[in-house]
Each structure stands twice: as C-alpha cells, then as structure tokens.
C-alpha cells in the first residue's frame, strides 16, 4: 500500500501540470509562440539554476561518485549501440532511423529526474542526481548528433561537437556549482534565497510548458514507428537496463537517479535537433508527445513495482 501511495504521489502532480499546460493552450491563454519562448527560458535559465543549486547545496562527499557516473555513461553507450544495430533492421527510411534512435535513446532526464528524485528522496537530497544529469545530458547530445548526422549522410565534426557540449547551459551550471562547492564559496544570503525561490518554479513551469506544446496532429503516417518507439522507450529499454542497475548494487538516491534516467519520456529538445539536422521532425515531435503522454502510466507502474520490491524506498 505504501508503494502504491508513493507512486501516485510521484506521478500525479506531474500529470496535473502536463494537463494544465494542455488546458491553457486549448483555452487560448497561451499560444505556441509564447510556449516556445518559455521553453527556451526554462532550458537556459530555470533548469540550469536548478541544476546549479542542487549541486551547490549538496555534500561534497555524497555528490562525487565516479562509479555511478561511469556506470550510467557505459549503460547509455550500450543502449545507443543496441539501437544503432537494431533500428535500421526494421526501418528503411534514413530520416526516420535517426529520429527513432534519438527518440528511444534520449530521455527527458533533466525534468523528470529532478521531479522523481525530489518526490522520492526529498528536496536538498538529490545532488548526486543533478551531477548525473550534468554528465548524461551532454552525452545524449553527442550521441544524438552522431545518429542524426550518420543517417542524413553527413560527417561528424568532433570540434563542432566539443563546442556544442561546452556551450550547453547544464555543463556551464554544473561547472560553476562544482567550483563554488569545492572552493567553499558561499553566495550572499539574498542571492542564495533568490536562486532557491527561482528553482522551485523550474519543474512545474517546465512541465506546464511541455503539456502546452503537445501536438497530436498528422500521426497516421507515422503510426507504426510511433507505437514501436513508445514501447521501446517506456517499456523495453527500462526492462533490459533496470535489472542491470539492481544487479550492480545501486540503491537509494543512486538507483533513483538511474531509474529516472531510464523511465523518463523522450527529451523535448529532440524535436528541435531533428528539425535542424534534416531528420524526420514530425516523427520526432510525435515521439515527444506520445512518450510523455503514456509515461504517466508507465512511470507509475515502474515506481510502484520497484517500490513494492523494496528497491527504491
């Protein structure tokens, strides 16, 4: 019963915020242009501040976990490698291949990792998850660029990749937080209070914006690809990877971080990247929408199942 209640408490608030975004868009209070601008603000400001604050307020001894970081990156490399081998066997269109690999492999870890981590571990206890986000999200970006370049017949440019990673707001925020943490620098009280208050609106606002950006149009031509990718992203990948995480001995906040990384829906930014790199942007957008929609159910089931088994709480 406790695991059921916890799963509801984690997933229900996220569902309500996504639904609110949908309703605000349908009611005409927010238009697509405004939502896209807000999405950019969330990405570059609010979520970056949240990442900074979670690392800044963490305990140095708790946050540095090379084993966790190395395991997560190796696990993601294995997942993406498997996708590179399997997706082309079932999909003949190169544009769709790139979009599907990115849509299955690249999760919305920033938003859902923070939301799930805070709900399960408590505010102020997710420093290790924030550092994991800072390591995994740029790795996602690199892998996504490689996938989209390969399947549009382009050439991967290491220097361009390096610049893109270095300019990522999450990398900048994490680096700044680590510097202040390691040097023992404390922000002035009024600055720290302002940052803390801003971080509290990051996850709700981002989820509302994501809900408002849902677009269900023109799915018929991509129905088979959408169904396959949604099942792979929300069911198959977690089913293959989570037992490995448990077998490796991860528990507590470490396992919560890995679970959040694996059960989250497709990253919203995958649509923009697919669009800018001549991939199937319509399919990429549909994967964001439908994985986000169905993840409400699958996240609940994964959290309930892991909780009932005694692994995460």
C-alpha atoms as a PDB file:
ATOM      1  CA  UNK A   1       0.000   0.000   0.000  1.00  0.00           C
ATOM      2  CA  UNK A   2       2.872   2.356   0.848  1.00  0.00           C
ATOM      3  CA  UNK A   3       4.497   1.776  -2.556  1.00  0.00           C
ATOM      4  CA  UNK A   4       1.172   2.462  -4.319  1.00  0.00           C
ATOM      5  CA  UNK A   5       0.689   5.727  -2.442  1.00  0.00           C
ATOM      6  CA  UNK A   6       4.265   6.811  -3.138  1.00  0.00           C
ATOM      7  CA  UNK A   7       3.921   6.036  -6.863  1.00  0.00           C
ATOM      8  CA  UNK A   8       0.713   8.104  -7.008  1.00  0.00           C
ATOM      9  CA  UNK A   9       2.368  10.981  -5.128  1.00  0.00           C
ATOM     10  CA  UNK A  10       5.272  10.992  -7.605  1.00  0.00           C
ATOM     11  CA  UNK A  11       3.331  10.736 -10.870  1.00  0.00           C
ATOM     12  CA  UNK A  12       0.004  12.502 -10.195  1.00  0.00           C
ATOM     13  CA  UNK A  13       1.472  16.027  -9.731  1.00  0.00           C
ATOM     14  CA  UNK A  14       3.430  15.679 -12.993  1.00  0.00           C
ATOM     15  CA  UNK A  15       0.289  14.555 -14.833  1.00  0.00           C
ATOM     16  CA  UNK A  16      -1.716  17.500 -13.451  1.00  0.00           C
ATOM     17  CA  UNK A  17       0.938  20.001 -14.561  1.00  0.00           C
ATOM     18  CA  UNK A  18       1.105  18.496 -18.061  1.00  0.00           C
ATOM     19  CA  UNK A  19      -2.712  18.586 -18.229  1.00  0.00           C
ATOM     20  CA  UNK A  20      -2.754  22.214 -17.072  1.00  0.00           C
ATOM     21  CA  UNK A  21      -0.404  23.164 -19.900  1.00  0.00           C
ATOM     22  CA  UNK A  22      -2.713  21.438 -22.395  1.00  0.00           C
ATOM     23  CA  UNK A  23      -5.757  23.249 -20.996  1.00  0.00           C
ATOM     24  CA  UNK A  24      -4.042  26.651 -21.037  1.00  0.00           C
ATOM     25  CA  UNK A  25      -3.153  26.150 -24.708  1.00  0.00           C
ATOM     26  CA  UNK A  26      -6.646  24.905 -25.626  1.00  0.00           C
ATOM     27  CA  UNK A  27      -8.233  27.799 -23.713  1.00  0.00           C
ATOM     28  CA  UNK A  28      -6.177  30.341 -25.648  1.00  0.00           C
ATOM     29  CA  UNK A  29      -4.328  31.681 -22.604  1.00  0.00           C
ATOM     30  CA  UNK A  30      -1.012  30.547 -24.083  1.00  0.00           C
ATOM     31  CA  UNK A  31      -0.161  30.345 -27.786  1.00  0.00           C
ATOM     32  CA  UNK A  32       2.543  28.207 -29.375  1.00  0.00           C
ATOM     33  CA  UNK A  33       4.966  31.110 -29.872  1.00  0.00           C
ATOM     34  CA  UNK A  34       4.755  32.060 -26.188  1.00  0.00           C
ATOM     35  CA  UNK A  35       5.180  28.434 -25.131  1.00  0.00           C
ATOM     36  CA  UNK A  36       8.270  28.020 -27.319  1.00  0.00           C
ATOM     37  CA  UNK A  37       9.812  31.152 -25.794  1.00  0.00           C
ATOM     38  CA  UNK A  38       9.002  29.940 -22.294  1.00  0.00           C
ATOM     39  CA  UNK A  39      10.515  26.563 -23.156  1.00  0.00           C
ATOM     40  CA  UNK A  40      13.742  28.321 -24.130  1.00  0.00           C
ATOM     41  CA  UNK A  41      13.720  30.296 -20.865  1.00  0.00           C
ATOM     42  CA  UNK A  42      13.149  27.103 -18.857  1.00  0.00           C
ATOM     43  CA  UNK A  43      16.029  25.368 -20.622  1.00  0.00           C
ATOM     44  CA  UNK A  44      18.550  28.205 -20.406  1.00  0.00           C
ATOM     45  CA  UNK A  45      17.589  29.766 -17.064  1.00  0.00           C
ATOM     46  CA  UNK A  46      15.320  27.882 -14.667  1.00  0.00           C
ATOM     47  CA  UNK A  47      16.539  24.310 -15.193  1.00  0.00           C
ATOM     48  CA  UNK A  48      20.162  25.476 -15.269  1.00  0.00           C
ATOM     49  CA  UNK A  49      19.648  27.311 -11.969  1.00  0.00           C
ATOM     50  CA  UNK A  50      18.005  24.205 -10.526  1.00  0.00           C
ATOM     51  CA  UNK A  51      20.965  22.066 -11.557  1.00  0.00           C
ATOM     52  CA  UNK A  52      23.375  24.632 -10.089  1.00  0.00           C
ATOM     53  CA  UNK A  53      21.512  24.882  -6.783  1.00  0.00           C
ATOM     54  CA  UNK A  54      21.160  21.128  -6.278  1.00  0.00           C
ATOM     55  CA  UNK A  55      24.917  20.644  -6.700  1.00  0.00           C
ATOM     56  CA  UNK A  56      25.810  23.822  -4.747  1.00  0.00           C
ATOM     57  CA  UNK A  57      23.800  22.677  -1.706  1.00  0.00           C
ATOM     58  CA  UNK A  58      24.981  19.050  -1.783  1.00  0.00           C
ATOM     59  CA  UNK A  59      27.551  17.432   0.478  1.00  0.00           C
ATOM     60  CA  UNK A  60      30.917  17.073  -1.276  1.00  0.00           C
ATOM     61  CA  UNK A  61      31.362  13.512  -0.025  1.00  0.00           C
ATOM     62  CA  UNK A  62      27.944  12.464  -1.346  1.00  0.00           C
ATOM     63  CA  UNK A  63      27.997  14.118  -4.740  1.00  0.00           C
ATOM     64  CA  UNK A  64      31.236  12.733  -6.205  1.00  0.00           C
ATOM     65  CA  UNK A  65      30.507   9.209  -7.300  1.00  0.00           C
ATOM     66  CA  UNK A  66      32.747   8.122 -10.194  1.00  0.00           C
ATOM     67  CA  UNK A  67      31.269   4.617 -10.089  1.00  0.00           C
ATOM     68  CA  UNK A  68      27.729   5.939 -10.629  1.00  0.00           C
ATOM     69  CA  UNK A  69      28.762   8.364 -13.385  1.00  0.00           C
ATOM     70  CA  UNK A  70      30.889   5.789 -15.197  1.00  0.00           C
ATOM     71  CA  UNK A  71      28.178   3.134 -14.955  1.00  0.00           C
ATOM     72  CA  UNK A  72      25.489   5.500 -16.290  1.00  0.00           C
ATOM     73  CA  UNK A  73      27.600   6.565 -19.278  1.00  0.00           C
ATOM     74  CA  UNK A  74      28.546   2.970 -20.127  1.00  0.00           C
ATOM     75  CA  UNK A  75      24.903   1.921 -19.820  1.00  0.00           C
ATOM     76  CA  UNK A  76      23.803   4.699 -22.169  1.00  0.00           C
ATOM     77  CA  UNK A  77      26.546   3.801 -24.651  1.00  0.00           C
ATOM     78  CA  UNK A  78      25.298   0.191 -24.615  1.00  0.00           C
ATOM     79  CA  UNK A  79      21.660   1.257 -25.125  1.00  0.00           C
ATOM     80  CA  UNK A  80      22.519   3.553 -28.027  1.00  0.00           C
ATOM     81  CA  UNK A  81      24.823   0.935 -29.547  1.00  0.00           C
ATOM     82  CA  UNK A  82      21.965  -1.567 -29.462  1.00  0.00           C
ATOM     83  CA  UNK A  83      19.678   0.982 -31.122  1.00  0.00           C
ATOM     84  CA  UNK A  84      22.219   1.627 -33.891  1.00  0.00           C
ATOM     85  CA  UNK A  85      22.241  -2.121 -34.587  1.00  0.00           C
ATOM     86  CA  UNK A  86      18.507  -2.848 -34.375  1.00  0.00           C
ATOM     87  CA  UNK A  87      16.548   0.188 -35.633  1.00  0.00           C
ATOM     88  CA  UNK A  88      17.977   0.081 -39.212  1.00  0.00           C
ATOM     89  CA  UNK A  89      16.853  -3.561 -39.476  1.00  0.00           C
ATOM     90  CA  UNK A  90      13.206  -2.581 -39.020  1.00  0.00           C
ATOM     91  CA  UNK A  91      13.078   0.909 -40.564  1.00  0.00           C
ATOM     92  CA  UNK A  92      14.187   1.615 -44.137  1.00  0.00           C
ATOM     93  CA  UNK A  93      13.966   5.423 -44.173  1.00  0.00           C
ATOM     94  CA  UNK A  94      17.193   7.089 -43.039  1.00  0.00           C
ATOM     95  CA  UNK A  95      15.346  10.172 -41.775  1.00  0.00           C
ATOM     96  CA  UNK A  96      13.108   8.030 -39.615  1.00  0.00           C
ATOM     97  CA  UNK A  97      16.030   5.896 -38.440  1.00  0.00           C
ATOM     98  CA  UNK A  98      17.800   8.902 -36.943  1.00  0.00           C
ATOM     99  CA  UNK A  99      14.613  10.252 -35.354  1.00  0.00           C
ATOM    100  CA  UNK A 100      13.730   6.867 -33.843  1.00  0.00           C
ATOM    101  CA  UNK A 101      17.199   6.199 -32.424  1.00  0.00           C
ATOM    102  CA  UNK A 102      17.244   9.632 -30.820  1.00  0.00           C
ATOM    103  CA  UNK A 103      13.633   9.338 -29.613  1.00  0.00           C
ATOM    104  CA  UNK A 104      14.202   5.970 -27.929  1.00  0.00           C
ATOM    105  CA  UNK A 105      17.659   6.683 -26.521  1.00  0.00           C
ATOM    106  CA  UNK A 106      17.403  10.305 -25.397  1.00  0.00           C
ATOM    107  CA  UNK A 107      15.249  10.844 -22.303  1.00  0.00           C
ATOM    108  CA  UNK A 108      13.899  13.962 -20.626  1.00  0.00           C
ATOM    109  CA  UNK A 109      16.185  13.301 -17.673  1.00  0.00           C
ATOM    110  CA  UNK A 110      16.555  16.941 -16.640  1.00  0.00           C
ATOM    111  CA  UNK A 111      12.869  17.470 -15.900  1.00  0.00           C
ATOM    112  CA  UNK A 112      11.776  14.019 -14.794  1.00  0.00           C
ATOM    113  CA  UNK A 113      14.994  13.178 -12.952  1.00  0.00           C
ATOM    114  CA  UNK A 114      14.536  16.251 -10.784  1.00  0.00           C
ATOM    115  CA  UNK A 115      10.806  15.681 -10.263  1.00  0.00           C
ATOM    116  CA  UNK A 116      11.093  11.971  -9.420  1.00  0.00           C
ATOM    117  CA  UNK A 117      14.248  12.476  -7.343  1.00  0.00           C
ATOM    118  CA  UNK A 118      12.690  15.252  -5.255  1.00  0.00           C
ATOM    119  CA  UNK A 119       9.477  13.277  -4.729  1.00  0.00           C
ATOM    120  CA  UNK A 120      11.289  10.110  -3.616  1.00  0.00           C
ATOM    121  CA  UNK A 121      14.392  11.484  -1.869  1.00  0.00           C
ATOM    122  CA  UNK A 122      13.263  14.905  -0.671  1.00  0.00           C
ATOM    123  CA  UNK A 123      14.307  18.425  -1.606  1.00  0.00           C
ATOM    124  CA  UNK A 124      18.004  19.028  -0.980  1.00  0.00           C
ATOM    125  CA  UNK A 125      18.951  15.355  -1.236  1.00  0.00           C
ATOM    126  CA  UNK A 126      19.358  14.979  -4.988  1.00  0.00           C
ATOM    127  CA  UNK A 127      22.851  16.403  -5.522  1.00  0.00           C
ATOM    128  CA  UNK A 128      24.122  13.090  -6.965  1.00  0.00           C
ATOM    129  CA  UNK A 129      21.190  13.041  -9.417  1.00  0.00           C
ATOM    130  CA  UNK A 130      21.965  16.603 -10.518  1.00  0.00           C
ATOM    131  CA  UNK A 131      25.594  15.691 -11.188  1.00  0.00           C
ATOM    132  CA  UNK A 132      24.368  12.628 -13.094  1.00  0.00           C
ATOM    133  CA  UNK A 133      22.145  14.910 -15.196  1.00  0.00           C
ATOM    134  CA  UNK A 134      25.128  17.163 -15.903  1.00  0.00           C
ATOM    135  CA  UNK A 135      27.120  14.179 -17.200  1.00  0.00           C
ATOM    136  CA  UNK A 136      24.407  12.282 -19.083  1.00  0.00           C
ATOM    137  CA  UNK A 137      22.590  15.115 -20.895  1.00  0.00           C
ATOM    138  CA  UNK A 138      25.666  16.333 -22.847  1.00  0.00           C
ATOM    139  CA  UNK A 139      26.436  12.684 -23.644  1.00  0.00           C
ATOM    140  CA  UNK A 140      22.908  12.426 -25.057  1.00  0.00           C
ATOM    141  CA  UNK A 141      23.604  15.491 -27.199  1.00  0.00           C
ATOM    142  CA  UNK A 142      26.781  13.958 -28.628  1.00  0.00           C
ATOM    143  CA  UNK A 143      25.101  10.629 -29.385  1.00  0.00           C
ATOM    144  CA  UNK A 144      22.077  12.357 -30.940  1.00  0.00           C
ATOM    145  CA  UNK A 145      24.266  14.468 -33.233  1.00  0.00           C
ATOM    146  CA  UNK A 146      26.197  11.358 -34.309  1.00  0.00           C
ATOM    147  CA  UNK A 147      22.968   9.433 -35.039  1.00  0.00           C
ATOM    148  CA  UNK A 148      21.329  12.249 -36.995  1.00  0.00           C
ATOM    149  CA  UNK A 149      24.498  13.031 -38.967  1.00  0.00           C
ATOM    150  CA  UNK A 150      25.076   9.391 -39.928  1.00  0.00           C
ATOM    151  CA  UNK A 151      21.529   8.897 -41.174  1.00  0.00           C
ATOM    152  CA  UNK A 152      21.448  12.064 -43.213  1.00  0.00           C
ATOM    153  CA  UNK A 153      24.724  11.088 -44.869  1.00  0.00           C
ATOM    154  CA  UNK A 154      26.751  13.810 -43.181  1.00  0.00           C
ATOM    155  CA  UNK A 155      30.141  13.798 -41.471  1.00  0.00           C
ATOM    156  CA  UNK A 156      30.537  14.046 -37.694  1.00  0.00           C
ATOM    157  CA  UNK A 157      32.774  17.014 -36.776  1.00  0.00           C
ATOM    158  CA  UNK A 158      34.498  16.495 -33.392  1.00  0.00           C
ATOM    159  CA  UNK A 159      35.332  20.194 -32.927  1.00  0.00           C
ATOM    160  CA  UNK A 160      31.716  21.231 -33.509  1.00  0.00           C
ATOM    161  CA  UNK A 161      30.580  18.554 -31.068  1.00  0.00           C
ATOM    162  CA  UNK A 162      33.048  19.768 -28.439  1.00  0.00           C
ATOM    163  CA  UNK A 163      31.877  23.382 -28.823  1.00  0.00           C
ATOM    164  CA  UNK A 164      28.245  22.328 -28.542  1.00  0.00           C
ATOM    165  CA  UNK A 165      28.905  20.379 -25.345  1.00  0.00           C
ATOM    166  CA  UNK A 166      30.995  23.170 -23.794  1.00  0.00           C
ATOM    167  CA  UNK A 167      28.259  25.742 -24.521  1.00  0.00           C
ATOM    168  CA  UNK A 168      25.480  23.602 -23.034  1.00  0.00           C
ATOM    169  CA  UNK A 169      23.808  25.571 -20.191  1.00  0.00           C
ATOM    170  CA  UNK A 170      23.752  22.464 -17.977  1.00  0.00           C
ATOM    171  CA  UNK A 171      27.510  21.989 -18.368  1.00  0.00           C
ATOM    172  CA  UNK A 172      28.101  25.658 -17.526  1.00  0.00           C
ATOM    173  CA  UNK A 173      25.779  25.460 -14.495  1.00  0.00           C
ATOM    174  CA  UNK A 174      27.315  22.221 -13.210  1.00  0.00           C
ATOM    175  CA  UNK A 175      30.866  23.517 -13.675  1.00  0.00           C
ATOM    176  CA  UNK A 176      30.058  26.751 -11.823  1.00  0.00           C
ATOM    177  CA  UNK A 177      28.404  24.810  -8.995  1.00  0.00           C
ATOM    178  CA  UNK A 178      31.348  22.423  -8.651  1.00  0.00           C
ATOM    179  CA  UNK A 179      33.808  25.336  -8.495  1.00  0.00           C
ATOM    180  CA  UNK A 180      31.858  27.094  -5.727  1.00  0.00           C
ATOM    181  CA  UNK A 181      31.333  23.808  -3.869  1.00  0.00           C
ATOM    182  CA  UNK A 182      34.984  22.714  -3.992  1.00  0.00           C
ATOM    183  CA  UNK A 183      36.329  26.161  -3.098  1.00  0.00           C
ATOM    184  CA  UNK A 184      33.840  26.525  -0.256  1.00  0.00           C
ATOM    185  CA  UNK A 185      32.480  29.768  -1.716  1.00  0.00           C
ATOM    186  CA  UNK A 186      29.065  30.736  -0.355  1.00  0.00           C
ATOM    187  CA  UNK A 187      26.709  33.051  -2.162  1.00  0.00           C
ATOM    188  CA  UNK A 188      25.397  36.111  -0.289  1.00  0.00           C
ATOM    189  CA  UNK A 189      22.237  35.233   1.642  1.00  0.00           C
ATOM    190  CA  UNK A 190      19.889  37.303  -0.527  1.00  0.00           C
ATOM    191  CA  UNK A 191      21.332  35.771  -3.735  1.00  0.00           C
ATOM    192  CA  UNK A 192      21.012  32.251  -2.364  1.00  0.00           C
ATOM    193  CA  UNK A 193      17.397  32.941  -1.358  1.00  0.00           C
ATOM    194  CA  UNK A 194      16.579  34.314  -4.811  1.00  0.00           C
ATOM    195  CA  UNK A 195      18.159  31.313  -6.556  1.00  0.00           C
ATOM    196  CA  UNK A 196      16.343  28.891  -4.241  1.00  0.00           C
ATOM    197  CA  UNK A 197      12.982  30.555  -4.917  1.00  0.00           C
ATOM    198  CA  UNK A 198      13.568  30.542  -8.684  1.00  0.00           C
ATOM    199  CA  UNK A 199      14.463  26.850  -8.672  1.00  0.00           C
ATOM    200  CA  UNK A 200      11.128  25.989  -7.065  1.00  0.00           C
ATOM    201  CA  UNK A 201       9.242  27.116 -10.160  1.00  0.00           C
ATOM    202  CA  UNK A 202      11.577  25.322 -12.606  1.00  0.00           C
ATOM    203  CA  UNK A 203       9.972  21.872 -12.696  1.00  0.00           C
ATOM    204  CA  UNK A 204       6.297  22.992 -12.522  1.00  0.00           C
ATOM    205  CA  UNK A 205       6.760  25.641 -15.211  1.00  0.00           C
ATOM    206  CA  UNK A 206       8.687  23.289 -17.496  1.00  0.00           C
ATOM    207  CA  UNK A 207       6.026  20.574 -17.196  1.00  0.00           C
ATOM    208  CA  UNK A 208       3.238  23.094 -17.886  1.00  0.00           C
ATOM    209  CA  UNK A 209       5.088  24.315 -20.981  1.00  0.00           C
ATOM    210  CA  UNK A 210       5.697  20.740 -22.149  1.00  0.00           C
ATOM    211  CA  UNK A 211       1.982  19.973 -21.786  1.00  0.00           C
ATOM    212  CA  UNK A 212       1.097  23.095 -23.742  1.00  0.00           C
ATOM    213  CA  UNK A 213       3.396  22.089 -26.597  1.00  0.00           C
ATOM    214  CA  UNK A 214       1.646  18.734 -27.135  1.00  0.00           C
ATOM    215  CA  UNK A 215       0.534  18.432 -30.762  1.00  0.00           C
ATOM    216  CA  UNK A 216      -1.468  15.363 -31.784  1.00  0.00           C
ATOM    217  CA  UNK A 217      -1.861  16.201 -35.474  1.00  0.00           C
ATOM    218  CA  UNK A 218      -0.785  14.133 -38.508  1.00  0.00           C
ATOM    219  CA  UNK A 219       0.096  10.903 -36.711  1.00  0.00           C
ATOM    220  CA  UNK A 220      -1.425   8.454 -39.195  1.00  0.00           C
ATOM    221  CA  UNK A 221       1.607   8.264 -41.489  1.00  0.00           C
ATOM    222  CA  UNK A 222       3.926   7.500 -38.564  1.00  0.00           C
ATOM    223  CA  UNK A 223       1.654   5.242 -36.508  1.00  0.00           C
ATOM    224  CA  UNK A 224       3.801   2.092 -36.731  1.00  0.00           C
ATOM    225  CA  UNK A 225       7.018   3.954 -35.916  1.00  0.00           C
ATOM    226  CA  UNK A 226       5.378   5.847 -33.041  1.00  0.00           C
ATOM    227  CA  UNK A 227       3.981   2.671 -31.472  1.00  0.00           C
ATOM    228  CA  UNK A 228       7.302   0.823 -31.744  1.00  0.00           C
ATOM    229  CA  UNK A 229       9.347   3.723 -30.362  1.00  0.00           C
ATOM    230  CA  UNK A 230       6.954   4.409 -27.473  1.00  0.00           C
ATOM    231  CA  UNK A 231       7.042   0.757 -26.369  1.00  0.00           C
ATOM    232  CA  UNK A 232      10.840   0.627 -26.688  1.00  0.00           C
ATOM    233  CA  UNK A 233      11.391   3.912 -24.821  1.00  0.00           C
ATOM    234  CA  UNK A 234       8.988   3.314 -21.943  1.00  0.00           C
ATOM    235  CA  UNK A 235       8.987  -0.478 -21.564  1.00  0.00           C
ATOM    236  CA  UNK A 236      11.752  -2.359 -23.390  1.00  0.00           C
ATOM    237  CA  UNK A 237      14.773  -0.188 -22.502  1.00  0.00           C
ATOM    238  CA  UNK A 238      13.891   0.046 -18.770  1.00  0.00           C
ATOM    239  CA  UNK A 239      13.080  -3.684 -18.670  1.00  0.00           C
ATOM    240  CA  UNK A 240      16.525  -4.504 -20.067  1.00  0.00           C
ATOM    241  CA  UNK A 241      18.546  -1.906 -18.157  1.00  0.00           C
ATOM    242  CA  UNK A 242      16.991  -1.707 -14.677  1.00  0.00           C
ATOM    243  CA  UNK A 243      17.887  -5.298 -13.696  1.00  0.00           C
ATOM    244  CA  UNK A 244      21.498  -4.485 -14.606  1.00  0.00           C
ATOM    245  CA  UNK A 245      21.409  -1.429 -12.298  1.00  0.00           C
ATOM    246  CA  UNK A 246      19.999  -3.515  -9.452  1.00  0.00           C
ATOM    247  CA  UNK A 247      22.472  -6.341 -10.090  1.00  0.00           C
ATOM    248  CA  UNK A 248      25.325  -3.785  -9.968  1.00  0.00           C
ATOM    249  CA  UNK A 249      24.311  -2.971  -6.391  1.00  0.00           C
ATOM    250  CA  UNK A 250      22.928   0.562  -6.750  1.00  0.00           C
ATOM    251  CA  UNK A 251      20.375   1.573  -4.116  1.00  0.00           C
ATOM    252  CA  UNK A 252      18.948   4.725  -2.557  1.00  0.00           C
ATOM    253  CA  UNK A 253      19.418   8.034  -4.355  1.00  0.00           C
ATOM    254  CA  UNK A 254      21.833   6.404  -6.830  1.00  0.00           C
ATOM    255  CA  UNK A 255      19.211   3.922  -8.015  1.00  0.00           C
ATOM    256  CA  UNK A 256      16.536   6.630  -8.071  1.00  0.00           C
ATOM    257  CA  UNK A 257      18.781   8.630 -10.416  1.00  0.00           C
ATOM    258  CA  UNK A 258      19.304   5.663 -12.739  1.00  0.00           C
ATOM    259  CA  UNK A 259      15.594   4.778 -12.657  1.00  0.00           C
ATOM    260  CA  UNK A 260      14.658   8.383 -13.521  1.00  0.00           C
ATOM    261  CA  UNK A 261      17.118   8.357 -16.411  1.00  0.00           C
ATOM    262  CA  UNK A 262      15.681   5.133 -17.836  1.00  0.00           C
ATOM    263  CA  UNK A 263      11.901   5.505 -17.383  1.00  0.00           C
ATOM    264  CA  UNK A 264      11.550   9.153 -18.476  1.00  0.00           C
ATOM    265  CA  UNK A 265       9.902  10.017 -21.818  1.00  0.00           C
ATOM    266  CA  UNK A 266      11.731  11.360 -24.864  1.00  0.00           C
ATOM    267  CA  UNK A 267      13.552  14.681 -24.403  1.00  0.00           C
ATOM    268  CA  UNK A 268      11.568  17.653 -25.723  1.00  0.00           C
ATOM    269  CA  UNK A 269      14.707  19.112 -27.325  1.00  0.00           C
ATOM    270  CA  UNK A 270      14.970  16.097 -29.644  1.00  0.00           C
ATOM    271  CA  UNK A 271      12.338  17.707 -31.901  1.00  0.00           C
ATOM    272  CA  UNK A 272      14.419  20.868 -32.348  1.00  0.00           C
ATOM    273  CA  UNK A 273      17.568  18.884 -33.076  1.00  0.00           C
ATOM    274  CA  UNK A 274      15.791  16.644 -35.603  1.00  0.00           C
ATOM    275  CA  UNK A 275      14.391  19.728 -37.317  1.00  0.00           C
ATOM    276  CA  UNK A 276      17.770  21.457 -37.530  1.00  0.00           C
ATOM    277  CA  UNK A 277      19.575  18.346 -38.812  1.00  0.00           C
ATOM    278  CA  UNK A 278      17.248  17.363 -41.655  1.00  0.00           C
ATOM    279  CA  UNK A 279      15.745  14.367 -39.855  1.00  0.00           C
ATOM    280  CA  UNK A 280      12.039  13.444 -39.631  1.00  0.00           C
ATOM    281  CA  UNK A 281      10.965  16.314 -37.361  1.00  0.00           C
ATOM    282  CA  UNK A 282       7.277  15.301 -37.428  1.00  0.00           C
ATOM    283  CA  UNK A 283       8.115  11.825 -36.125  1.00  0.00           C
ATOM    284  CA  UNK A 284      10.492  13.297 -33.528  1.00  0.00           C
ATOM    285  CA  UNK A 285       7.745  15.631 -32.300  1.00  0.00           C
ATOM    286  CA  UNK A 286       5.215  12.794 -32.112  1.00  0.00           C
ATOM    287  CA  UNK A 287       7.635  10.720 -30.030  1.00  0.00           C
ATOM    288  CA  UNK A 288       7.976  13.573 -27.525  1.00  0.00           C
ATOM    289  CA  UNK A 289       4.191  13.900 -27.263  1.00  0.00           C
ATOM    290  CA  UNK A 290       3.233  10.235 -27.057  1.00  0.00           C
ATOM    291  CA  UNK A 291       6.069   9.079 -24.797  1.00  0.00           C
ATOM    292  CA  UNK A 292       5.236  11.968 -22.432  1.00  0.00           C
ATOM    293  CA  UNK A 293       1.553  11.024 -22.512  1.00  0.00           C
ATOM    294  CA  UNK A 294       1.986   7.286 -21.913  1.00  0.00           C
ATOM    295  CA  UNK A 295       4.857   7.779 -19.454  1.00  0.00           C
ATOM    296  CA  UNK A 296       2.310   8.889 -16.860  1.00  0.00           C
ATOM    297  CA  UNK A 297       1.128   5.263 -16.740  1.00  0.00           C
ATOM    298  CA  UNK A 298       4.475   3.522 -17.247  1.00  0.00           C
ATOM    299  CA  UNK A 299       6.352   5.673 -14.702  1.00  0.00           C
ATOM    300  CA  UNK A 300       3.649   4.902 -12.156  1.00  0.00           C
ATOM    301  CA  UNK A 301       3.973   1.165 -12.837  1.00  0.00           C
ATOM    302  CA  UNK A 302       7.790   1.174 -12.725  1.00  0.00           C
ATOM    303  CA  UNK A 303       7.922   3.182  -9.480  1.00  0.00           C
ATOM    304  CA  UNK A 304       5.184   1.066  -7.898  1.00  0.00           C
ATOM    305  CA  UNK A 305       6.876  -2.182  -8.961  1.00  0.00           C
ATOM    306  CA  UNK A 306      10.327  -1.153  -7.748  1.00  0.00           C
ATOM    307  CA  UNK A 307       8.855   0.173  -4.519  1.00  0.00           C
ATOM    308  CA  UNK A 308       6.843  -2.983  -3.869  1.00  0.00           C
ATOM    309  CA  UNK A 309      10.046  -4.978  -4.429  1.00  0.00           C
ATOM    310  CA  UNK A 310      11.842  -2.862  -1.833  1.00  0.00           C
ATOM    311  CA  UNK A 311      14.458  -1.384  -4.153  1.00  0.00           C
ATOM    312  CA  UNK A 312      13.823   2.368  -4.132  1.00  0.00           C
ATOM    313  CA  UNK A 313      12.007   3.178  -0.874  1.00  0.00           C
END
